[in-house]
Amino acid sequence: MKRLIHIDQLKGFGILSVLFLHTVGYIRNTLPYADTSLWRLEAWLHSFLMPFFVFISGFSFYHFYLKTKSVRDAYIYISCYKFMPYSEAA
């Protein structure tokens, strides 16, 4: 299946945003005074990045796994490969 370049670019943007977020957090923690603008920037990035990654991963999962398979195969994939590692061994 052909890769979607714009999805890869969005993933790269998200990874660079997380790197920037960690850098801002480190700078904010090393300052001798409380900077509310850095705190607001960090809070905004946190509230943006989690839904962003959930959206991108859901879109990728649908496009590469569910779109090409039948509904029955999709349920088998989800149940076997996603939930089996968390179940107890018989």
N, C-alpha and C. Protein backbone atom coordinates (compact mmCIF):
# COMPACT_ATOMS: atom_id res chain seq x y z
N MET A 1 0.84 -1.18 0.00
CA MET A 1 0.00 0.00 0.00
C MET A 1 0.89 1.25 0.00
N LYS A 2 0.48 2.23 -0.70
CA LYS A 2 1.24 3.46 -0.85
C LYS A 2 1.22 4.28 0.45
N ARG A 3 2.37 4.80 0.81
CA ARG A 3 2.45 5.64 2.01
C ARG A 3 1.85 7.01 1.73
N LEU A 4 1.27 7.58 2.76
CA LEU A 4 0.71 8.92 2.65
C LEU A 4 1.75 9.91 3.17
N ILE A 5 2.30 10.69 2.27
CA ILE A 5 3.39 11.60 2.62
C ILE A 5 2.93 12.65 3.62
N HIS A 6 1.73 13.18 3.46
CA HIS A 6 1.28 14.24 4.37
C HIS A 6 1.08 13.70 5.79
N ILE A 7 0.75 12.43 5.95
CA ILE A 7 0.65 11.85 7.29
C ILE A 7 2.05 11.72 7.90
N ASP A 8 3.02 11.30 7.10
CA ASP A 8 4.40 11.23 7.60
C ASP A 8 4.91 12.62 7.99
N GLN A 9 4.54 13.64 7.23
CA GLN A 9 4.96 15.00 7.58
C GLN A 9 4.30 15.46 8.87
N LEU A 10 3.04 15.10 9.06
CA LEU A 10 2.36 15.46 10.31
C LEU A 10 2.99 14.74 11.50
N LYS A 11 3.37 13.49 11.33
CA LYS A 11 4.06 12.76 12.41
C LYS A 11 5.39 13.43 12.74
N GLY A 12 6.13 13.84 11.72
CA GLY A 12 7.39 14.54 11.94
C GLY A 12 7.18 15.86 12.67
N PHE A 13 6.14 16.59 12.29
CA PHE A 13 5.81 17.83 12.98
C PHE A 13 5.48 17.56 14.45
N GLY A 14 4.75 16.49 14.71
CA GLY A 14 4.41 16.14 16.09
C GLY A 14 5.63 15.77 16.90
N ILE A 15 6.55 15.03 16.30
CA ILE A 15 7.78 14.65 17.01
C ILE A 15 8.62 15.88 17.32
N LEU A 16 8.75 16.78 16.37
CA LEU A 16 9.51 18.01 16.62
C LEU A 16 8.81 18.89 17.66
N SER A 17 7.48 18.88 17.68
CA SER A 17 6.74 19.64 18.69
C SER A 17 6.97 19.07 20.08
N VAL A 18 7.04 17.74 20.20
CA VAL A 18 7.33 17.13 21.50
C VAL A 18 8.74 17.48 21.95
N LEU A 19 9.68 17.50 21.03
CA LEU A 19 11.05 17.91 21.36
C LEU A 19 11.06 19.35 21.85
N PHE A 20 10.34 20.23 21.18
CA PHE A 20 10.23 21.62 21.59
C PHE A 20 9.56 21.73 22.96
N LEU A 21 8.53 20.91 23.19
CA LEU A 21 7.82 20.91 24.48
C LEU A 21 8.76 20.53 25.62
N HIS A 22 9.57 19.52 25.42
CA HIS A 22 10.50 19.10 26.46
C HIS A 22 11.58 20.16 26.69
N THR A 23 11.99 20.83 25.63
CA THR A 23 12.97 21.90 25.78
C THR A 23 12.39 23.06 26.58
N VAL A 24 11.15 23.43 26.28
CA VAL A 24 10.49 24.51 27.01
C VAL A 24 10.33 24.12 28.48
N GLY A 25 9.95 22.88 28.74
CA GLY A 25 9.81 22.42 30.12
C GLY A 25 11.13 22.46 30.87
N TYR A 26 12.22 22.07 30.21
CA TYR A 26 13.52 22.12 30.85
C TYR A 26 13.93 23.56 31.15
N ILE A 27 13.72 24.45 30.19
CA ILE A 27 14.07 25.86 30.41
C ILE A 27 13.24 26.45 31.53
N ARG A 28 11.95 26.12 31.56
CA ARG A 28 11.07 26.65 32.60
C ARG A 28 11.49 26.16 33.99
N ASN A 29 11.94 24.91 34.07
CA ASN A 29 12.35 24.37 35.37
C ASN A 29 13.69 24.90 35.84
N THR A 30 14.54 25.36 34.93
CA THR A 30 15.86 25.85 35.34
C THR A 30 15.88 27.34 35.63
N LEU A 31 14.80 28.06 35.30
CA LEU A 31 14.76 29.49 35.59
C LEU A 31 14.61 29.73 37.09
N PRO A 32 15.29 30.75 37.60
CA PRO A 32 15.17 31.03 39.04
C PRO A 32 13.85 31.71 39.43
N TYR A 33 13.04 32.08 38.47
CA TYR A 33 11.77 32.76 38.74
C TYR A 33 10.66 32.03 37.97
N ALA A 34 9.44 32.27 38.36
CA ALA A 34 8.30 31.63 37.70
C ALA A 34 7.89 32.46 36.49
N ASP A 35 7.98 31.86 35.34
CA ASP A 35 7.60 32.53 34.09
C ASP A 35 6.27 31.96 33.62
N THR A 36 5.21 32.77 33.72
CA THR A 36 3.88 32.27 33.37
C THR A 36 3.69 32.09 31.87
N SER A 37 4.43 32.84 31.06
CA SER A 37 4.27 32.68 29.61
C SER A 37 4.80 31.32 29.15
N LEU A 38 5.92 30.87 29.72
CA LEU A 38 6.42 29.54 29.37
C LEU A 38 5.50 28.45 29.88
N TRP A 39 4.90 28.67 31.05
CA TRP A 39 3.96 27.69 31.59
C TRP A 39 2.73 27.58 30.68
N ARG A 40 2.23 28.72 30.22
CA ARG A 40 1.07 28.70 29.32
C ARG A 40 1.40 28.03 27.99
N LEU A 41 2.59 28.30 27.46
CA LEU A 41 3.00 27.65 26.21
C LEU A 41 3.09 26.14 26.40
N GLU A 42 3.66 25.72 27.50
CA GLU A 42 3.79 24.29 27.77
C GLU A 42 2.41 23.64 27.96
N ALA A 43 1.51 24.31 28.66
CA ALA A 43 0.16 23.77 28.86
C ALA A 43 -0.59 23.68 27.53
N TRP A 44 -0.43 24.67 26.67
CA TRP A 44 -1.10 24.63 25.37
C TRP A 44 -0.55 23.49 24.52
N LEU A 45 0.76 23.32 24.53
CA LEU A 45 1.35 22.24 23.74
C LEU A 45 0.88 20.88 24.25
N HIS A 46 0.80 20.72 25.57
CA HIS A 46 0.30 19.45 26.12
C HIS A 46 -1.14 19.20 25.68
N SER A 47 -1.97 20.22 25.71
CA SER A 47 -3.38 20.04 25.35
C SER A 47 -3.56 19.84 23.84
N PHE A 48 -2.60 20.22 23.05
CA PHE A 48 -2.68 20.06 21.60
C PHE A 48 -2.10 18.72 21.13
N LEU A 49 -0.98 18.31 21.71
CA LEU A 49 -0.23 17.19 21.16
C LEU A 49 -0.90 15.84 21.41
N MET A 50 -1.51 15.63 22.57
CA MET A 50 -2.14 14.34 22.82
C MET A 50 -3.29 14.06 21.85
N PRO A 51 -4.26 14.98 21.68
CA PRO A 51 -5.30 14.71 20.68
C PRO A 51 -4.73 14.61 19.26
N PHE A 52 -3.68 15.35 18.97
CA PHE A 52 -3.05 15.30 17.66
C PHE A 52 -2.53 13.89 17.36
N PHE A 53 -1.79 13.31 18.32
CA PHE A 53 -1.24 11.97 18.11
C PHE A 53 -2.34 10.92 18.08
N VAL A 54 -3.40 11.08 18.88
CA VAL A 54 -4.51 10.13 18.84
C VAL A 54 -5.19 10.18 17.47
N PHE A 55 -5.40 11.36 16.95
CA PHE A 55 -6.01 11.51 15.63
C PHE A 55 -5.14 10.88 14.54
N ILE A 56 -3.87 11.19 14.55
CA ILE A 56 -2.97 10.66 13.51
C ILE A 56 -2.86 9.14 13.60
N SER A 57 -2.76 8.59 14.81
CA SER A 57 -2.66 7.14 14.93
C SER A 57 -3.97 6.46 14.52
N GLY A 58 -5.11 7.05 14.87
CA GLY A 58 -6.38 6.48 14.45
C GLY A 58 -6.55 6.53 12.94
N PHE A 59 -6.16 7.62 12.33
CA PHE A 59 -6.24 7.73 10.87
C PHE A 59 -5.33 6.71 10.20
N SER A 60 -4.12 6.56 10.72
CA SER A 60 -3.18 5.59 10.14
C SER A 60 -3.70 4.17 10.31
N PHE A 61 -4.27 3.86 11.49
CA PHE A 61 -4.80 2.52 11.73
C PHE A 61 -5.94 2.22 10.78
N TYR A 62 -6.83 3.19 10.59
CA TYR A 62 -7.94 2.97 9.66
C TYR A 62 -7.44 2.79 8.23
N HIS A 63 -6.56 3.66 7.81
CA HIS A 63 -6.13 3.66 6.41
C HIS A 63 -5.34 2.40 6.06
N PHE A 64 -4.46 1.94 6.96
CA PHE A 64 -3.57 0.84 6.62
C PHE A 64 -4.09 -0.53 7.06
N TYR A 65 -5.00 -0.59 8.04
CA TYR A 65 -5.46 -1.88 8.53
C TYR A 65 -6.94 -2.14 8.23
N LEU A 66 -7.79 -1.18 8.52
CA LEU A 66 -9.22 -1.44 8.42
C LEU A 66 -9.79 -1.21 7.03
N LYS A 67 -9.24 -0.28 6.30
CA LYS A 67 -9.79 0.06 4.99
C LYS A 67 -9.63 -1.08 3.99
N THR A 68 -8.57 -1.84 4.13
CA THR A 68 -8.29 -2.89 3.16
C THR A 68 -8.84 -4.25 3.57
N LYS A 69 -9.38 -4.37 4.78
CA LYS A 69 -9.85 -5.65 5.26
C LYS A 69 -11.36 -5.62 5.47
N SER A 70 -11.95 -6.79 5.61
CA SER A 70 -13.36 -6.86 5.92
C SER A 70 -13.57 -6.55 7.41
N VAL A 71 -14.79 -6.32 7.80
CA VAL A 71 -15.09 -6.00 9.18
C VAL A 71 -14.72 -7.16 10.09
N ARG A 72 -14.97 -8.39 9.64
CA ARG A 72 -14.64 -9.57 10.45
C ARG A 72 -13.13 -9.66 10.68
N ASP A 73 -12.33 -9.45 9.64
CA ASP A 73 -10.88 -9.49 9.79
C ASP A 73 -10.38 -8.37 10.70
N ALA A 74 -11.03 -7.22 10.64
CA ALA A 74 -10.63 -6.11 11.50
C ALA A 74 -10.88 -6.45 12.96
N TYR A 75 -12.02 -7.05 13.28
CA TYR A 75 -12.30 -7.44 14.67
C TYR A 75 -11.34 -8.51 15.16
N ILE A 76 -11.00 -9.44 14.29
CA ILE A 76 -10.03 -10.48 14.67
C ILE A 76 -8.67 -9.84 14.93
N TYR A 77 -8.25 -8.92 14.08
CA TYR A 77 -6.97 -8.24 14.28
C TYR A 77 -6.95 -7.49 15.59
N ILE A 78 -8.01 -6.73 15.86
CA ILE A 78 -8.05 -5.93 17.08
C ILE A 78 -8.06 -6.82 18.31
N SER A 79 -8.86 -7.88 18.29
CA SER A 79 -8.97 -8.72 19.48
C SER A 79 -7.71 -9.55 19.71
N CYS A 80 -7.12 -10.08 18.65
CA CYS A 80 -5.96 -10.95 18.82
C CYS A 80 -4.67 -10.20 19.10
N TYR A 81 -4.43 -9.16 18.35
CA TYR A 81 -3.13 -8.51 18.42
C TYR A 81 -3.08 -7.32 19.35
N LYS A 82 -4.22 -6.80 19.74
CA LYS A 82 -4.21 -5.64 20.62
C LYS A 82 -4.53 -5.99 22.06
N PHE A 83 -5.41 -6.97 22.28
CA PHE A 83 -5.85 -7.26 23.64
C PHE A 83 -5.23 -8.52 24.22
N MET A 84 -4.69 -9.40 23.40
CA MET A 84 -4.12 -10.65 23.91
C MET A 84 -2.91 -10.42 24.81
N PRO A 85 -2.02 -9.48 24.55
CA PRO A 85 -0.88 -9.31 25.46
C PRO A 85 -1.31 -8.93 26.89
N TYR A 86 -2.51 -8.38 27.06
CA TYR A 86 -2.96 -7.96 28.37
C TYR A 86 -3.79 -9.02 29.08
N SER A 87 -4.10 -10.12 28.42
CA SER A 87 -4.89 -11.15 29.06
C SER A 87 -3.98 -12.14 29.76
N GLU A 88 -4.56 -12.91 30.70
CA GLU A 88 -3.79 -13.88 31.43
C GLU A 88 -3.59 -15.14 30.59
N ALA A 89 -2.46 -15.77 30.79
CA ALA A 89 -2.19 -17.01 30.06
C ALA A 89 -3.00 -18.14 30.69
N ALA A 90 -3.57 -18.98 29.86
CA ALA A 90 -4.40 -20.08 30.39
C ALA A 90 -3.56 -21.27 30.76
